[in-house]
Amino acid sequence: MTSRLMLAMAVASALFALPLQAAQPLQAARGTDQVAPRVERAPMPDTTVERAPVRFAWALDPEQALEAPAPQAALSRSYWDTVDAATLQRGLELPLTAPDAVIQVSPVQG
């Protein structure tokens, strides 16, 4: 089997299995998975806790110019592509860079 055919079959089976997996329990975490640490739930506070909104202010130096912070810039190894059903049936080669890559398929009408 070619890798394109295997990928097309994997994507097709994932599309058909989506409704079935919604009711399935989660699998155990593997060694490469990120797992949030378990923490004990904090006790609820007394009912006497202040619930009014907090307000604060401070004076700015009128001699100093205001500067906007630099925009956030981040790099991601994500990859997006829009393909039709015929392309998925023929098979699609993806530029995967990790052995445990996650492939997300979002089917749309049209």
PDB file of N, CA and C in Angstrom:
ATOM      1  N   MET A   1       0.835  -1.180   0.000  1.00  0.00           N
ATOM      2  CA  MET A   1       0.000   0.000   0.000  1.00  0.00           C
ATOM      3  C   MET A   1       0.880   1.245   0.000  1.00  0.00           C
ATOM      4  N   THR A   2       0.537   2.217  -0.813  1.00  0.00           N
ATOM      5  CA  THR A   2       1.315   3.447  -0.843  1.00  0.00           C
ATOM      6  C   THR A   2       0.947   4.313   0.348  1.00  0.00           C
ATOM      7  N   SER A   3       1.844   5.233   0.668  1.00  0.00           N
ATOM      8  CA  SER A   3       1.588   6.103   1.819  1.00  0.00           C
ATOM      9  C   SER A   3       0.401   7.025   1.560  1.00  0.00           C
ATOM     10  N   ARG A   4       0.180   7.405   0.312  1.00  0.00           N
ATOM     11  CA  ARG A   4      -0.962   8.269  -0.003  1.00  0.00           C
ATOM     12  C   ARG A   4      -2.275   7.530   0.231  1.00  0.00           C
ATOM     13  N   LEU A   5      -2.310   6.280  -0.174  1.00  0.00           N
ATOM     14  CA  LEU A   5      -3.517   5.484   0.012  1.00  0.00           C
ATOM     15  C   LEU A   5      -3.758   5.241   1.500  1.00  0.00           C
ATOM     16  N   MET A   6      -2.688   4.954   2.223  1.00  0.00           N
ATOM     17  CA  MET A   6      -2.825   4.724   3.665  1.00  0.00           C
ATOM     18  C   MET A   6      -3.332   5.982   4.369  1.00  0.00           C
ATOM     19  N   LEU A   7      -2.799   7.146   3.958  1.00  0.00           N
ATOM     20  CA  LEU A   7      -3.249   8.398   4.559  1.00  0.00           C
ATOM     21  C   LEU A   7      -4.709   8.663   4.218  1.00  0.00           C
ATOM     22  N   ALA A   8      -5.106   8.411   2.974  1.00  0.00           N
ATOM     23  CA  ALA A   8      -6.499   8.621   2.580  1.00  0.00           C
ATOM     24  C   ALA A   8      -7.425   7.709   3.369  1.00  0.00           C
ATOM     25  N   MET A   9      -6.998   6.461   3.571  1.00  0.00           N
ATOM     26  CA  MET A   9      -7.819   5.535   4.349  1.00  0.00           C
ATOM     27  C   MET A   9      -7.894   5.966   5.806  1.00  0.00           C
ATOM     28  N   ALA A  10      -6.790   6.471   6.355  1.00  0.00           N
ATOM     29  CA  ALA A  10      -6.783   6.924   7.747  1.00  0.00           C
ATOM     30  C   ALA A  10      -7.700   8.120   7.938  1.00  0.00           C
ATOM     31  N   VAL A  11      -7.648   9.069   7.006  1.00  0.00           N
ATOM     32  CA  VAL A  11      -8.499  10.259   7.103  1.00  0.00           C
ATOM     33  C   VAL A  11      -9.969   9.867   6.953  1.00  0.00           C
ATOM     34  N   ALA A  12     -10.261   8.985   6.010  1.00  0.00           N
ATOM     35  CA  ALA A  12     -11.651   8.558   5.809  1.00  0.00           C
ATOM     36  C   ALA A  12     -12.180   7.825   7.035  1.00  0.00           C
ATOM     37  N   SER A  13     -11.368   6.947   7.606  1.00  0.00           N
ATOM     38  CA  SER A  13     -11.841   6.228   8.798  1.00  0.00           C
ATOM     39  C   SER A  13     -12.003   7.172   9.975  1.00  0.00           C
ATOM     40  N   ALA A  14     -11.150   8.196  10.069  1.00  0.00           N
ATOM     41  CA  ALA A  14     -11.302   9.177  11.147  1.00  0.00           C
ATOM     42  C   ALA A  14     -12.606   9.955  10.993  1.00  0.00           C
ATOM     43  N   LEU A  15     -12.948  10.312   9.751  1.00  0.00           N
ATOM     44  CA  LEU A  15     -14.195  11.044   9.520  1.00  0.00           C
ATOM     45  C   LEU A  15     -15.411  10.210   9.913  1.00  0.00           C
ATOM     46  N   PHE A  16     -15.402   8.934   9.573  1.00  0.00           N
ATOM     47  CA  PHE A  16     -16.543   8.082   9.888  1.00  0.00           C
ATOM     48  C   PHE A  16     -16.596   7.724  11.368  1.00  0.00           C
ATOM     49  N   ALA A  17     -15.460   7.736  12.051  1.00  0.00           N
ATOM     50  CA  ALA A  17     -15.416   7.335  13.458  1.00  0.00           C
ATOM     51  C   ALA A  17     -15.664   8.495  14.410  1.00  0.00           C
ATOM     52  N   LEU A  18     -15.732   9.722  13.909  1.00  0.00           N
ATOM     53  CA  LEU A  18     -15.917  10.873  14.804  1.00  0.00           C
ATOM     54  C   LEU A  18     -17.132  10.737  15.711  1.00  0.00           C
ATOM     55  N   PRO A  19     -18.321  10.398  15.211  1.00  0.00           N
ATOM     56  CA  PRO A  19     -19.463  10.271  16.122  1.00  0.00           C
ATOM     57  C   PRO A  19     -19.299   9.119  17.109  1.00  0.00           C
ATOM     58  N   LEU A  20     -18.583   8.074  16.711  1.00  0.00           N
ATOM     59  CA  LEU A  20     -18.417   6.920  17.583  1.00  0.00           C
ATOM     60  C   LEU A  20     -17.463   7.204  18.736  1.00  0.00           C
ATOM     61  N   GLN A  21     -16.456   8.022  18.480  1.00  0.00           N
ATOM     62  CA  GLN A  21     -15.461   8.287  19.508  1.00  0.00           C
ATOM     63  C   GLN A  21     -15.952   9.250  20.565  1.00  0.00           C
ATOM     64  N   ALA A  22     -17.007   9.975  20.310  1.00  0.00           N
ATOM     65  CA  ALA A  22     -17.496  10.959  21.279  1.00  0.00           C
ATOM     66  C   ALA A  22     -17.928  10.293  22.575  1.00  0.00           C
ATOM     67  N   ALA A  23     -18.397   9.045  22.519  1.00  0.00           N
ATOM     68  CA  ALA A  23     -18.888   8.367  23.713  1.00  0.00           C
ATOM     69  C   ALA A  23     -17.846   7.433  24.318  1.00  0.00           C
ATOM     70  N   GLN A  24     -16.655   7.367  23.744  1.00  0.00           N
ATOM     71  CA  GLN A  24     -15.638   6.454  24.230  1.00  0.00           C
ATOM     72  C   GLN A  24     -14.849   7.071  25.377  1.00  0.00           C
ATOM     73  N   PRO A  25     -14.392   6.264  26.348  1.00  0.00           N
ATOM     74  CA  PRO A  25     -13.553   6.807  27.419  1.00  0.00           C
ATOM     75  C   PRO A  25     -12.168   7.150  26.874  1.00  0.00           C
ATOM     76  N   LEU A  26     -11.469   8.016  27.569  1.00  0.00           N
ATOM     77  CA  LEU A  26     -10.139   8.413  27.144  1.00  0.00           C
ATOM     78  C   LEU A  26      -9.159   7.267  27.329  1.00  0.00           C
ATOM     79  N   GLN A  27      -8.216   7.175  26.420  1.00  0.00           N
ATOM     80  CA  GLN A  27      -7.177   6.169  26.547  1.00  0.00           C
ATOM     81  C   GLN A  27      -6.149   6.633  27.565  1.00  0.00           C
ATOM     82  N   ALA A  28      -5.377   5.713  28.094  1.00  0.00           N
ATOM     83  CA  ALA A  28      -4.327   6.062  29.043  1.00  0.00           C
ATOM     84  C   ALA A  28      -3.260   6.897  28.339  1.00  0.00           C
ATOM     85  N   ALA A  29      -2.649   7.807  29.080  1.00  0.00           N
ATOM     86  CA  ALA A  29      -1.618   8.670  28.514  1.00  0.00           C
ATOM     87  C   ALA A  29      -0.385   7.857  28.165  1.00  0.00           C
ATOM     88  N   ARG A  30       0.240   8.208  27.028  1.00  0.00           N
ATOM     89  CA  ARG A  30       1.494   7.568  26.624  1.00  0.00           C
ATOM     90  C   ARG A  30       2.657   8.420  27.130  1.00  0.00           C
ATOM     91  N   GLY A  31       3.849   7.931  26.960  1.00  0.00           N
ATOM     92  CA  GLY A  31       5.033   8.645  27.425  1.00  0.00           C
ATOM     93  C   GLY A  31       5.256   9.966  26.717  1.00  0.00           C
ATOM     94  N   THR A  32       4.742  10.125  25.489  1.00  0.00           N
ATOM     95  CA  THR A  32       4.947  11.368  24.737  1.00  0.00           C
ATOM     96  C   THR A  32       3.816  12.368  24.923  1.00  0.00           C
ATOM     97  N   ASP A  33       2.781  12.003  25.688  1.00  0.00           N
ATOM     98  CA  ASP A  33       1.639  12.892  25.899  1.00  0.00           C
ATOM     99  C   ASP A  33       1.934  13.903  27.000  1.00  0.00           C
ATOM    100  N   GLN A  34       1.327  15.072  26.888  1.00  0.00           N
ATOM    101  CA  GLN A  34       1.405  16.060  27.958  1.00  0.00           C
ATOM    102  C   GLN A  34       0.225  15.827  28.882  1.00  0.00           C
ATOM    103  N   VAL A  35       0.505  15.709  30.160  1.00  0.00           N
ATOM    104  CA  VAL A  35      -0.534  15.419  31.130  1.00  0.00           C
ATOM    105  C   VAL A  35      -0.500  16.488  32.208  1.00  0.00           C
ATOM    106  N   ALA A  36      -1.654  17.080  32.474  1.00  0.00           N
ATOM    107  CA  ALA A  36      -1.737  18.093  33.535  1.00  0.00           C
ATOM    108  C   ALA A  36      -1.618  17.404  34.888  1.00  0.00           C
ATOM    109  N   PRO A  37      -0.886  18.022  35.820  1.00  0.00           N
ATOM    110  CA  PRO A  37      -0.762  17.400  37.139  1.00  0.00           C
ATOM    111  C   PRO A  37      -2.094  17.428  37.877  1.00  0.00           C
ATOM    112  N   ARG A  38      -2.331  16.405  38.660  1.00  0.00           N
ATOM    113  CA  ARG A  38      -3.550  16.347  39.466  1.00  0.00           C
ATOM    114  C   ARG A  38      -3.344  17.192  40.716  1.00  0.00           C
ATOM    115  N   VAL A  39      -4.277  18.054  40.999  1.00  0.00           N
ATOM    116  CA  VAL A  39      -4.198  18.889  42.199  1.00  0.00           C
ATOM    117  C   VAL A  39      -5.483  18.738  42.978  1.00  0.00           C
ATOM    118  N   GLU A  40      -5.368  18.895  44.257  1.00  0.00           N
ATOM    119  CA  GLU A  40      -6.549  18.837  45.098  1.00  0.00           C
ATOM    120  C   GLU A  40      -7.343  20.116  44.913  1.00  0.00           C
ATOM    121  N   ARG A  41      -8.633  20.003  44.951  1.00  0.00           N
ATOM    122  CA  ARG A  41      -9.495  21.168  44.801  1.00  0.00           C
ATOM    123  C   ARG A  41      -9.400  22.026  46.058  1.00  0.00           C
ATOM    124  N   ALA A  42      -9.224  23.314  45.871  1.00  0.00           N
ATOM    125  CA  ALA A  42      -9.119  24.238  46.994  1.00  0.00           C
ATOM    126  C   ALA A  42     -10.480  24.366  47.674  1.00  0.00           C
ATOM    127  N   PRO A  43     -10.482  24.539  48.993  1.00  0.00           N
ATOM    128  CA  PRO A  43     -11.763  24.707  49.677  1.00  0.00           C
ATOM    129  C   PRO A  43     -12.431  26.019  49.262  1.00  0.00           C
ATOM    130  N   MET A  44     -13.729  26.020  49.257  1.00  0.00           N
ATOM    131  CA  MET A  44     -14.482  27.226  48.903  1.00  0.00           C
ATOM    132  C   MET A  44     -14.300  28.276  50.003  1.00  0.00           C
ATOM    133  N   PRO A  45     -14.215  29.557  49.629  1.00  0.00           N
ATOM    134  CA  PRO A  45     -14.042  30.602  50.639  1.00  0.00           C
ATOM    135  C   PRO A  45     -15.327  30.826  51.426  1.00  0.00           C
ATOM    136  N   ASP A  46     -15.168  31.536  52.544  1.00  0.00           N
ATOM    137  CA  ASP A  46     -16.334  31.918  53.346  1.00  0.00           C
ATOM    138  C   ASP A  46     -17.299  32.737  52.499  1.00  0.00           C
ATOM    139  N   THR A  47     -18.503  32.835  52.973  1.00  0.00           N
ATOM    140  CA  THR A  47     -19.479  33.687  52.287  1.00  0.00           C
ATOM    141  C   THR A  47     -19.254  35.155  52.623  1.00  0.00           C
ATOM    142  N   THR A  48     -18.301  35.450  53.505  1.00  0.00           N
ATOM    143  CA  THR A  48     -18.017  36.831  53.886  1.00  0.00           C
ATOM    144  C   THR A  48     -16.957  37.472  52.988  1.00  0.00           C
ATOM    145  N   VAL A  49     -16.596  36.812  51.880  1.00  0.00           N
ATOM    146  CA  VAL A  49     -15.577  37.344  50.987  1.00  0.00           C
ATOM    147  C   VAL A  49     -16.129  38.558  50.253  1.00  0.00           C
ATOM    148  N   GLU A  50     -15.301  39.587  50.125  1.00  0.00           N
ATOM    149  CA  GLU A  50     -15.691  40.807  49.401  1.00  0.00           C
ATOM    150  C   GLU A  50     -15.864  40.486  47.920  1.00  0.00           C
ATOM    151  N   ARG A  51     -16.947  40.921  47.311  1.00  0.00           N
ATOM    152  CA  ARG A  51     -17.215  40.610  45.912  1.00  0.00           C
ATOM    153  C   ARG A  51     -17.345  41.855  45.034  1.00  0.00           C
ATOM    154  N   ALA A  52     -17.013  43.012  45.572  1.00  0.00           N
ATOM    155  CA  ALA A  52     -17.079  44.252  44.786  1.00  0.00           C
ATOM    156  C   ALA A  52     -15.937  44.284  43.768  1.00  0.00           C
ATOM    157  N   PRO A  53     -16.142  44.901  42.606  1.00  0.00           N
ATOM    158  CA  PRO A  53     -15.072  44.995  41.609  1.00  0.00           C
ATOM    159  C   PRO A  53     -13.883  45.779  42.158  1.00  0.00           C
ATOM    160  N   VAL A  54     -12.704  45.415  41.739  1.00  0.00           N
ATOM    161  CA  VAL A  54     -11.486  46.098  42.162  1.00  0.00           C
ATOM    162  C   VAL A  54     -11.184  47.206  41.174  1.00  0.00           C
ATOM    163  N   ARG A  55     -10.801  48.364  41.689  1.00  0.00           N
ATOM    164  CA  ARG A  55     -10.417  49.485  40.835  1.00  0.00           C
ATOM    165  C   ARG A  55      -9.083  50.014  41.324  1.00  0.00           C
ATOM    166  N   PHE A  56      -8.234  50.365  40.388  1.00  0.00           N
ATOM    167  CA  PHE A  56      -6.955  50.950  40.767  1.00  0.00           C
ATOM    168  C   PHE A  56      -6.502  51.875  39.650  1.00  0.00           C
ATOM    169  N   ALA A  57      -5.617  52.798  39.984  1.00  0.00           N
ATOM    170  CA  ALA A  57      -5.084  53.743  39.017  1.00  0.00           C
ATOM    171  C   ALA A  57      -3.748  54.256  39.539  1.00  0.00           C
ATOM    172  N   TRP A  58      -2.906  54.718  38.642  1.00  0.00           N
ATOM    173  CA  TRP A  58      -1.665  55.353  39.055  1.00  0.00           C
ATOM    174  C   TRP A  58      -1.357  56.469  38.077  1.00  0.00           C
ATOM    175  N   ALA A  59      -0.624  57.441  38.555  1.00  0.00           N
ATOM    176  CA  ALA A  59      -0.302  58.610  37.741  1.00  0.00           C
ATOM    177  C   ALA A  59       0.829  58.276  36.770  1.00  0.00           C
ATOM    178  N   LEU A  60       0.694  58.735  35.525  1.00  0.00           N
ATOM    179  CA  LEU A  60       1.741  58.565  34.529  1.00  0.00           C
ATOM    180  C   LEU A  60       2.649  59.789  34.527  1.00  0.00           C
ATOM    181  N   ASP A  61       3.884  59.576  34.156  1.00  0.00           N
ATOM    182  CA  ASP A  61       4.828  60.681  34.047  1.00  0.00           C
ATOM    183  C   ASP A  61       4.464  61.483  32.805  1.00  0.00           C
ATOM    184  N   PRO A  62       4.073  62.744  32.960  1.00  0.00           N
ATOM    185  CA  PRO A  62       3.654  63.529  31.787  1.00  0.00           C
ATOM    186  C   PRO A  62       4.814  63.828  30.833  1.00  0.00           C
ATOM    187  N   GLU A  63       6.051  63.702  31.290  1.00  0.00           N
ATOM    188  CA  GLU A  63       7.212  63.978  30.438  1.00  0.00           C
ATOM    189  C   GLU A  63       7.591  62.767  29.570  1.00  0.00           C
ATOM    190  N   GLN A  64       7.064  61.599  29.895  1.00  0.00           N
ATOM    191  CA  GLN A  64       7.441  60.384  29.171  1.00  0.00           C
ATOM    192  C   GLN A  64       6.375  60.043  28.128  1.00  0.00           C
ATOM    193  N   ALA A  65       6.836  59.738  26.908  1.00  0.00           N
ATOM    194  CA  ALA A  65       5.912  59.390  25.820  1.00  0.00           C
ATOM    195  C   ALA A  65       5.328  58.001  26.050  1.00  0.00           C
ATOM    196  N   LEU A  66       4.065  57.838  25.640  1.00  0.00           N
ATOM    197  CA  LEU A  66       3.434  56.523  25.732  1.00  0.00           C
ATOM    198  C   LEU A  66       3.868  55.671  24.542  1.00  0.00           C
ATOM    199  N   GLU A  67       4.186  54.410  24.811  1.00  0.00           N
ATOM    200  CA  GLU A  67       4.594  53.507  23.750  1.00  0.00           C
ATOM    201  C   GLU A  67       3.750  52.233  23.823  1.00  0.00           C
ATOM    202  N   ALA A  68       3.247  51.826  22.675  1.00  0.00           N
ATOM    203  CA  ALA A  68       2.488  50.572  22.619  1.00  0.00           C
ATOM    204  C   ALA A  68       3.475  49.409  22.693  1.00  0.00           C
ATOM    205  N   PRO A  69       3.113  48.348  23.388  1.00  0.00           N
ATOM    206  CA  PRO A  69       4.014  47.192  23.439  1.00  0.00           C
ATOM    207  C   PRO A  69       4.127  46.528  22.068  1.00  0.00           C
ATOM    208  N   ALA A  70       5.225  45.834  21.852  1.00  0.00           N
ATOM    209  CA  ALA A  70       5.424  45.125  20.584  1.00  0.00           C
ATOM    210  C   ALA A  70       4.380  44.021  20.456  1.00  0.00           C
ATOM    211  N   PRO A  71       3.874  43.761  19.260  1.00  0.00           N
ATOM    212  CA  PRO A  71       2.880  42.694  19.091  1.00  0.00           C
ATOM    213  C   PRO A  71       3.487  41.321  19.389  1.00  0.00           C
ATOM    214  N   GLN A  72       2.650  40.419  19.840  1.00  0.00           N
ATOM    215  CA  GLN A  72       3.086  39.055  20.134  1.00  0.00           C
ATOM    216  C   GLN A  72       3.412  38.336  18.832  1.00  0.00           C
ATOM    217  N   ALA A  73       4.544  37.697  18.777  1.00  0.00           N
ATOM    218  CA  ALA A  73       4.927  36.915  17.608  1.00  0.00           C
ATOM    219  C   ALA A  73       5.304  35.515  18.076  1.00  0.00           C
ATOM    220  N   ALA A  74       4.756  34.503  17.437  1.00  0.00           N
ATOM    221  CA  ALA A  74       5.057  33.122  17.804  1.00  0.00           C
ATOM    222  C   ALA A  74       5.170  32.281  16.539  1.00  0.00           C
ATOM    223  N   LEU A  75       6.002  31.269  16.620  1.00  0.00           N
ATOM    224  CA  LEU A  75       6.165  30.344  15.505  1.00  0.00           C
ATOM    225  C   LEU A  75       5.433  29.050  15.825  1.00  0.00           C
ATOM    226  N   SER A  76       4.843  28.473  14.823  1.00  0.00           N
ATOM    227  CA  SER A  76       4.133  27.219  15.000  1.00  0.00           C
ATOM    228  C   SER A  76       4.501  26.289  13.860  1.00  0.00           C
ATOM    229  N   ARG A  77       4.506  25.004  14.152  1.00  0.00           N
ATOM    230  CA  ARG A  77       4.783  24.040  13.104  1.00  0.00           C
ATOM    231  C   ARG A  77       3.482  23.544  12.484  1.00  0.00           C
ATOM    232  N   SER A  78       2.417  24.297  12.646  1.00  0.00           N
ATOM    233  CA  SER A  78       1.144  23.851  12.097  1.00  0.00           C
ATOM    234  C   SER A  78       1.114  24.070  10.581  1.00  0.00           C
ATOM    235  N   TYR A  79       0.230  23.354   9.932  1.00  0.00           N
ATOM    236  CA  TYR A  79       0.112  23.391   8.476  1.00  0.00           C
ATOM    237  C   TYR A  79      -1.363  23.281   8.131  1.00  0.00           C
ATOM    238  N   TRP A  80      -1.850  24.126   7.256  1.00  0.00           N
ATOM    239  CA  TRP A  80      -3.255  24.121   6.843  1.00  0.00           C
ATOM    240  C   TRP A  80      -3.321  23.881   5.354  1.00  0.00           C
ATOM    241  N   ASP A  81      -4.335  23.164   4.937  1.00  0.00           N
ATOM    242  CA  ASP A  81      -4.573  22.967   3.515  1.00  0.00           C
ATOM    243  C   ASP A  81      -6.068  22.726   3.316  1.00  0.00           C
ATOM    244  N   THR A  82      -6.607  23.216   2.232  1.00  0.00           N
ATOM    245  CA  THR A  82      -8.004  22.990   1.898  1.00  0.00           C
ATOM    246  C   THR A  82      -8.045  22.083   0.684  1.00  0.00           C
ATOM    247  N   VAL A  83      -8.660  20.931   0.862  1.00  0.00           N
ATOM    248  CA  VAL A  83      -8.754  19.970  -0.240  1.00  0.00           C
ATOM    249  C   VAL A  83     -10.186  19.477  -0.346  1.00  0.00           C
ATOM    250  N   ASP A  84     -10.526  18.947  -1.516  1.00  0.00           N
ATOM    251  CA  ASP A  84     -11.871  18.410  -1.714  1.00  0.00           C
ATOM    252  C   ASP A  84     -11.873  16.903  -1.467  1.00  0.00           C
ATOM    253  N   ALA A  85     -13.050  16.310  -1.496  1.00  0.00           N
ATOM    254  CA  ALA A  85     -13.205  14.886  -1.202  1.00  0.00           C
ATOM    255  C   ALA A  85     -12.453  14.023  -2.206  1.00  0.00           C
ATOM    256  N   ALA A  86     -12.444  14.444  -3.459  1.00  0.00           N
ATOM    257  CA  ALA A  86     -11.748  13.653  -4.478  1.00  0.00           C
ATOM    258  C   ALA A  86     -10.252  13.576  -4.179  1.00  0.00           C
ATOM    259  N   THR A  87      -9.680  14.661  -3.727  1.00  0.00           N
ATOM    260  CA  THR A  87      -8.254  14.665  -3.374  1.00  0.00           C
ATOM    261  C   THR A  87      -7.996  13.744  -2.194  1.00  0.00           C
ATOM    262  N   LEU A  88      -8.896  13.759  -1.199  1.00  0.00           N
ATOM    263  CA  LEU A  88      -8.735  12.872  -0.054  1.00  0.00           C
ATOM    264  C   LEU A  88      -8.849  11.409  -0.482  1.00  0.00           C
ATOM    265  N   GLN A  89      -9.728  11.132  -1.423  1.00  0.00           N
ATOM    266  CA  GLN A  89      -9.872   9.756  -1.904  1.00  0.00           C
ATOM    267  C   GLN A  89      -8.639   9.295  -2.661  1.00  0.00           C
ATOM    268  N   ARG A  90      -8.025  10.187  -3.425  1.00  0.00           N
ATOM    269  CA  ARG A  90      -6.803   9.827  -4.153  1.00  0.00           C
ATOM    270  C   ARG A  90      -5.623   9.673  -3.198  1.00  0.00           C
ATOM    271  N   GLY A  91      -5.665  10.400  -2.096  1.00  0.00           N
ATOM    272  CA  GLY A  91      -4.550  10.391  -1.146  1.00  0.00           C
ATOM    273  C   GLY A  91      -3.835  11.721  -1.183  1.00  0.00           C
ATOM    274  N   LEU A  92      -3.354  12.134  -0.050  1.00  0.00           N
ATOM    275  CA  LEU A  92      -2.742  13.448   0.069  1.00  0.00           C
ATOM    276  C   LEU A  92      -1.454  13.311   0.861  1.00  0.00           C
ATOM    277  N   GLU A  93      -0.357  13.799   0.308  1.00  0.00           N
ATOM    278  CA  GLU A  93       0.909  13.750   1.021  1.00  0.00           C
ATOM    279  C   GLU A  93       1.019  14.996   1.900  1.00  0.00           C
ATOM    280  N   LEU A  94       1.323  14.785   3.158  1.00  0.00           N
ATOM    281  CA  LEU A  94       1.449  15.899   4.089  1.00  0.00           C
ATOM    282  C   LEU A  94       2.897  16.043   4.535  1.00  0.00           C
ATOM    283  N   PRO A  95       3.371  17.283   4.721  1.00  0.00           N
ATOM    284  CA  PRO A  95       4.755  17.497   5.156  1.00  0.00           C
ATOM    285  C   PRO A  95       4.883  17.331   6.675  1.00  0.00           C
ATOM    286  N   LEU A  96       4.824  16.087   7.154  1.00  0.00           N
ATOM    287  CA  LEU A  96       4.889  15.832   8.597  1.00  0.00           C
ATOM    288  C   LEU A  96       6.328  15.919   9.077  1.00  0.00           C
ATOM    289  N   THR A  97       6.524  16.549  10.241  1.00  0.00           N
ATOM    290  CA  THR A  97       7.868  16.720  10.791  1.00  0.00           C
ATOM    291  C   THR A  97       8.037  16.035  12.134  1.00  0.00           C
ATOM    292  N   ALA A  98       6.997  15.380  12.646  1.00  0.00           N
ATOM    293  CA  ALA A  98       7.075  14.727  13.951  1.00  0.00           C
ATOM    294  C   ALA A  98       6.445  13.345  13.851  1.00  0.00           C
ATOM    295  N   PRO A  99       6.989  12.372  14.581  1.00  0.00           N
ATOM    296  CA  PRO A  99       6.424  11.028  14.509  1.00  0.00           C
ATOM    297  C   PRO A  99       5.022  10.933  15.106  1.00  0.00           C
ATOM    298  N   ASP A 100       4.685  11.748  16.077  1.00  0.00           N
ATOM    299  CA  ASP A 100       3.363  11.721  16.706  1.00  0.00           C
ATOM    300  C   ASP A 100       2.508  12.900  16.252  1.00  0.00           C
ATOM    301  N   ALA A 101       2.602  13.263  14.983  1.00  0.00           N
ATOM    302  CA  ALA A 101       1.867  14.414  14.469  1.00  0.00           C
ATOM    303  C   ALA A 101       0.364  14.175  14.577  1.00  0.00           C
ATOM    304  N   VAL A 102      -0.368  15.227  14.890  1.00  0.00           N
ATOM    305  CA  VAL A 102      -1.826  15.165  14.983  1.00  0.00           C
ATOM    306  C   VAL A 102      -2.396  15.747  13.700  1.00  0.00           C
ATOM    307  N   ILE A 103      -3.274  14.997  13.070  1.00  0.00           N
ATOM    308  CA  ILE A 103      -3.921  15.458  11.838  1.00  0.00           C
ATOM    309  C   ILE A 103      -5.371  15.745  12.170  1.00  0.00           C
ATOM    310  N   GLN A 104      -5.775  16.987  11.982  1.00  0.00           N
ATOM    311  CA  GLN A 104      -7.160  17.375  12.242  1.00  0.00           C
ATOM    312  C   GLN A 104      -7.868  17.572  10.924  1.00  0.00           C
ATOM    313  N   VAL A 105      -9.038  16.985  10.796  1.00  0.00           N
ATOM    314  CA  VAL A 105      -9.832  17.111   9.583  1.00  0.00           C
ATOM    315  C   VAL A 105     -11.137  17.819   9.947  1.00  0.00           C
ATOM    316  N   SER A 106     -11.436  18.872   9.206  1.00  0.00           N
ATOM    317  CA  SER A 106     -12.653  19.641   9.439  1.00  0.00           C
ATOM    318  C   SER A 106     -13.510  19.595   8.183  1.00  0.00           C
ATOM    319  N   PRO A 107     -14.451  18.661   8.119  1.00  0.00           N
ATOM    320  CA  PRO A 107     -15.290  18.583   6.920  1.00  0.00           C
ATOM    321  C   PRO A 107     -16.286  19.734   6.893  1.00  0.00           C
ATOM    322  N   VAL A 108     -16.508  20.272   5.691  1.00  0.00           N
ATOM    323  CA  VAL A 108     -17.466  21.343   5.503  1.00  0.00           C
ATOM    324  C   VAL A 108     -18.348  21.022   4.310  1.00  0.00           C
ATOM    325  N   GLN A 109     -19.492  21.610   4.270  1.00  0.00           N
ATOM    326  CA  GLN A 109     -20.424  21.422   3.150  1.00  0.00           C
ATOM    327  C   GLN A 109     -19.944  22.246   1.962  1.00  0.00           C
ATOM    328  N   GLY A 110     -19.951  21.656   0.784  1.00  0.00           N
ATOM    329  CA  GLY A 110     -19.637  22.406  -0.425  1.00  0.00           C
ATOM    330  C   GLY A 110     -18.204  22.296  -0.865  1.00  0.00           C
TER     331      GLY A 110
END
